[in-house]
Amino acid sequence: MTEAPLRLALVAVPEDESAETVCEKVANYLPSNYSVAVRSPDNAVFISGHDQAGWTLDGYVIPRLASGLLFAKEVSA
């Protein structure tokens, strides 16, 4: 069985929060097949992972983040 392709999303960092704080919050919303991938110098936060058994980026991860007022958009890897 082959692994699902890697998927990547950019999480918006509100102006009144640090990327570090957002990274901690995002990590709390992610299933085990996704993780905080990168916190870049310009305060961008990326998540990455592989879809697995219904835990998909567009069907679960992005909507779950939005429930916590954390907004993400998929980007090409």
C-alpha atoms as a PDB file:
ATOM      1  CA  MET A   1       0.000   0.000   0.000  1.00  0.00           C
ATOM      2  CA  THR A   2       1.423   3.391  -0.981  1.00  0.00           C
ATOM      3  CA  GLU A   3       1.373   6.394   1.307  1.00  0.00           C
ATOM      4  CA  ALA A   4      -0.929   9.285   0.432  1.00  0.00           C
ATOM      5  CA  PRO A   5       0.843  12.329  -1.053  1.00  0.00           C
ATOM      6  CA  LEU A   6       2.220  14.989   1.256  1.00  0.00           C
ATOM      7  CA  ARG A   7      -0.162  17.912   1.692  1.00  0.00           C
ATOM      8  CA  LEU A   8       0.857  21.369   2.889  1.00  0.00           C
ATOM      9  CA  ALA A   9      -1.163  24.307   4.198  1.00  0.00           C
ATOM     10  CA  LEU A  10      -0.385  27.842   5.305  1.00  0.00           C
ATOM     11  CA  VAL A  11      -2.017  29.023   8.536  1.00  0.00           C
ATOM     12  CA  ALA A  12      -2.811  32.718   8.886  1.00  0.00           C
ATOM     13  CA  VAL A  13      -1.145  34.357  11.888  1.00  0.00           C
ATOM     14  CA  PRO A  14      -3.295  37.138  13.388  1.00  0.00           C
ATOM     15  CA  GLU A  15      -1.458  40.436  13.805  1.00  0.00           C
ATOM     16  CA  ASP A  16      -1.995  40.390  17.568  1.00  0.00           C
ATOM     17  CA  GLU A  17      -0.413  36.934  18.074  1.00  0.00           C
ATOM     18  CA  SER A  18       3.068  35.561  17.650  1.00  0.00           C
ATOM     19  CA  ALA A  19       3.798  32.691  15.297  1.00  0.00           C
ATOM     20  CA  GLU A  20       5.026  30.696  18.285  1.00  0.00           C
ATOM     21  CA  THR A  21       1.654  31.020  20.016  1.00  0.00           C
ATOM     22  CA  VAL A  22      -0.171  30.091  16.823  1.00  0.00           C
ATOM     23  CA  CYS A  23       2.074  27.025  16.378  1.00  0.00           C
ATOM     24  CA  GLU A  24       1.104  25.807  19.847  1.00  0.00           C
ATOM     25  CA  LYS A  25      -2.602  26.375  19.192  1.00  0.00           C
ATOM     26  CA  VAL A  26      -2.491  24.712  15.770  1.00  0.00           C
ATOM     27  CA  ALA A  27      -0.713  21.630  17.158  1.00  0.00           C
ATOM     28  CA  ASN A  28      -3.594  21.105  19.592  1.00  0.00           C
ATOM     29  CA  TYR A  29      -6.096  20.825  16.718  1.00  0.00           C
ATOM     30  CA  LEU A  30      -4.166  18.423  14.485  1.00  0.00           C
ATOM     31  CA  PRO A  31      -4.692  14.671  14.196  1.00  0.00           C
ATOM     32  CA  SER A  32      -1.586  12.477  14.465  1.00  0.00           C
ATOM     33  CA  ASN A  33      -1.091  12.310  10.685  1.00  0.00           C
ATOM     34  CA  TYR A  34      -0.532  16.099  10.455  1.00  0.00           C
ATOM     35  CA  SER A  35       1.961  18.339  12.256  1.00  0.00           C
ATOM     36  CA  VAL A  36       3.293  21.872  12.367  1.00  0.00           C
ATOM     37  CA  ALA A  37       5.977  21.708   9.685  1.00  0.00           C
ATOM     38  CA  VAL A  38       7.652  25.108   9.646  1.00  0.00           C
ATOM     39  CA  ARG A  39       7.562  28.436  11.357  1.00  0.00           C
ATOM     40  CA  SER A  40       9.318  30.740   8.940  1.00  0.00           C
ATOM     41  CA  PRO A  41      11.249  33.912   9.811  1.00  0.00           C
ATOM     42  CA  ASP A  42       8.409  36.040   8.433  1.00  0.00           C
ATOM     43  CA  ASN A  43       5.996  34.465  10.967  1.00  0.00           C
ATOM     44  CA  ALA A  44       4.269  32.152   8.496  1.00  0.00           C
ATOM     45  CA  VAL A  45       3.089  28.850   9.966  1.00  0.00           C
ATOM     46  CA  PHE A  46       2.872  25.758   7.760  1.00  0.00           C
ATOM     47  CA  ILE A  47       1.345  22.380   8.512  1.00  0.00           C
ATOM     48  CA  SER A  48       2.005  19.183   6.602  1.00  0.00           C
ATOM     49  CA  GLY A  49       0.876  15.605   6.591  1.00  0.00           C
ATOM     50  CA  HIS A  50      -0.678  12.736   4.714  1.00  0.00           C
ATOM     51  CA  ASP A  51      -4.423  12.054   4.477  1.00  0.00           C
ATOM     52  CA  GLN A  52      -5.320   8.907   6.364  1.00  0.00           C
ATOM     53  CA  ALA A  53      -8.617   7.119   7.085  1.00  0.00           C
ATOM     54  CA  GLY A  54     -10.842  10.197   6.856  1.00  0.00           C
ATOM     55  CA  TRP A  55      -8.414  12.548   8.543  1.00  0.00           C
ATOM     56  CA  THR A  56      -7.950  14.693   5.432  1.00  0.00           C
ATOM     57  CA  LEU A  57      -6.595  18.200   5.031  1.00  0.00           C
ATOM     58  CA  ASP A  58      -9.665  19.649   3.331  1.00  0.00           C
ATOM     59  CA  GLY A  59     -12.293  17.439   4.971  1.00  0.00           C
ATOM     60  CA  TYR A  60     -11.085  17.549   8.570  1.00  0.00           C
ATOM     61  CA  VAL A  61      -7.924  19.532   9.344  1.00  0.00           C
ATOM     62  CA  ILE A  62      -8.782  22.905   7.770  1.00  0.00           C
ATOM     63  CA  PRO A  63     -12.401  22.916   9.087  1.00  0.00           C
ATOM     64  CA  ARG A  64     -11.204  21.878  12.572  1.00  0.00           C
ATOM     65  CA  LEU A  65      -8.671  24.709  12.638  1.00  0.00           C
ATOM     66  CA  ALA A  66     -11.404  27.129  11.541  1.00  0.00           C
ATOM     67  CA  SER A  67     -13.533  26.032  14.509  1.00  0.00           C
ATOM     68  CA  GLY A  68     -10.774  27.517  16.677  1.00  0.00           C
ATOM     69  CA  LEU A  69     -10.567  30.665  14.541  1.00  0.00           C
ATOM     70  CA  LEU A  70      -7.327  29.480  12.932  1.00  0.00           C
ATOM     71  CA  PHE A  71      -7.572  29.819   9.175  1.00  0.00           C
ATOM     72  CA  ALA A  72      -5.543  27.731   6.745  1.00  0.00           C
ATOM     73  CA  LYS A  73      -5.289  27.344   2.996  1.00  0.00           C
ATOM     74  CA  GLU A  74      -3.691  24.487   1.101  1.00  0.00           C
ATOM     75  CA  VAL A  75      -0.583  25.322  -0.921  1.00  0.00           C
ATOM     76  CA  SER A  76       1.354  23.254  -3.435  1.00  0.00           C
ATOM     77  CA  ALA A  77       4.271  21.374  -1.930  1.00  0.00           C
END
